[in-house]
Amino acid sequence: MEDAKLAPRTIRSHYGVFRALLNAAVVEDLIAVTPCRGVRLPEVRKTPKPIASVEDVVRLATAVPAEYAPAIYLAALDLRMQGVCV
């Protein structure tokens, strides 16, 4: 996967599925042990996340229809409703 130039996060995701498949094979006695033990995966680097400025939030809130503006301000303050899917 590294030769195919896949990103480290993609490699970890694919490997997680492969590992789960092999673990299921062990549970079903199709193989004795999983070869996934001790495999070193590429490190995923954390990327800085952009933070909206006050001006960005106000500009967005004024660009959307008025009934959505409170949601923009609440989201900017991280005061979203818990357990509600939108």
Protein backbone atom coordinates (compact mmCIF):
# COMPACT_ATOMS: atom_id res chain seq x y z
CA MET A 1 0.00 0.00 0.00
CA GLU A 2 2.92 2.32 0.61
CA ASP A 3 4.22 1.54 -2.88
CA ALA A 4 0.82 2.59 -4.23
CA LYS A 5 1.35 5.92 -2.42
CA LEU A 6 -1.69 5.52 -0.16
CA ALA A 7 -1.89 7.93 2.77
CA PRO A 8 -1.01 6.55 6.23
CA ARG A 9 -4.59 7.00 7.46
CA THR A 10 -5.89 5.02 4.45
CA ILE A 11 -3.37 2.26 5.07
CA ARG A 12 -4.44 2.03 8.72
CA SER A 13 -8.09 1.90 7.70
CA HIS A 14 -7.54 -0.86 5.13
CA TYR A 15 -5.33 -2.77 7.54
CA GLY A 16 -8.02 -2.58 10.23
CA VAL A 17 -10.49 -4.29 7.90
CA PHE A 18 -7.91 -6.93 6.95
CA ARG A 19 -7.05 -7.57 10.59
CA ALA A 20 -10.74 -7.97 11.48
CA LEU A 21 -11.12 -10.46 8.63
CA LEU A 22 -8.17 -12.53 9.84
CA ASN A 23 -9.37 -12.37 13.45
CA ALA A 24 -12.72 -13.74 12.29
CA ALA A 25 -10.86 -16.53 10.49
CA VAL A 26 -9.10 -17.43 13.75
CA VAL A 27 -12.43 -17.47 15.63
CA GLU A 28 -13.90 -19.79 12.99
CA ASP A 29 -10.79 -22.06 13.19
CA LEU A 30 -9.97 -21.43 9.54
CA ILE A 31 -6.45 -20.40 10.51
CA ALA A 32 -4.54 -21.05 13.73
CA VAL A 33 -3.14 -17.58 14.35
CA THR A 34 -3.38 -14.22 12.68
CA PRO A 35 -0.25 -12.93 10.96
CA CYS A 36 -1.26 -9.38 11.89
CA ARG A 37 0.54 -9.40 15.22
CA GLY A 38 3.55 -7.10 15.41
CA VAL A 39 2.91 -5.29 12.13
CA ARG A 40 4.14 -1.71 12.25
CA LEU A 41 1.88 0.72 10.48
CA PRO A 42 2.85 4.15 9.19
CA GLU A 43 2.37 6.98 11.64
CA VAL A 44 -0.52 9.35 10.99
CA ARG A 45 0.57 12.93 11.41
CA LYS A 46 -1.91 15.33 12.92
CA THR A 47 -2.69 18.22 10.65
CA PRO A 48 -3.59 21.58 12.11
CA LYS A 49 -7.26 22.38 11.76
CA PRO A 50 -8.19 25.88 10.68
CA ILE A 51 -10.04 27.95 13.24
CA ALA A 52 -12.64 30.40 12.05
CA SER A 53 -12.18 33.96 13.19
CA VAL A 54 -15.02 36.03 14.61
CA GLU A 55 -15.19 37.85 11.28
CA ASP A 56 -15.49 34.51 9.41
CA VAL A 57 -18.39 33.42 11.63
CA VAL A 58 -20.23 36.73 11.25
CA ARG A 59 -19.69 36.69 7.47
CA LEU A 60 -21.09 33.15 7.24
CA ALA A 61 -24.05 33.94 9.50
CA THR A 62 -24.98 36.92 7.35
CA ALA A 63 -24.58 34.92 4.12
CA VAL A 64 -27.10 32.22 5.04
CA PRO A 65 -30.87 32.67 5.37
CA ALA A 66 -31.76 34.37 8.67
CA GLU A 67 -33.35 31.27 10.21
CA TYR A 68 -29.97 29.45 10.00
CA ALA A 69 -27.85 32.22 11.54
CA PRO A 70 -28.42 31.10 15.17
CA ALA A 71 -27.18 27.63 14.25
CA ILE A 72 -23.99 29.15 12.84
CA TYR A 73 -23.34 31.06 16.07
CA LEU A 74 -24.12 28.04 18.23
CA ALA A 75 -21.83 25.86 16.13
CA ALA A 76 -19.05 28.43 16.40
CA LEU A 77 -19.42 28.27 20.19
CA ASP A 78 -19.58 24.46 20.01
CA LEU A 79 -23.03 24.51 21.63
CA ARG A 80 -24.62 21.99 19.30
CA MET A 81 -27.55 19.90 20.44
CA GLN A 82 -26.38 16.52 21.71
CA GLY A 83 -27.96 13.40 20.22
CA VAL A 84 -29.65 15.18 17.34
CA CYS A 85 -28.80 14.08 13.82
CA VAL A 86 -29.00 16.76 11.19
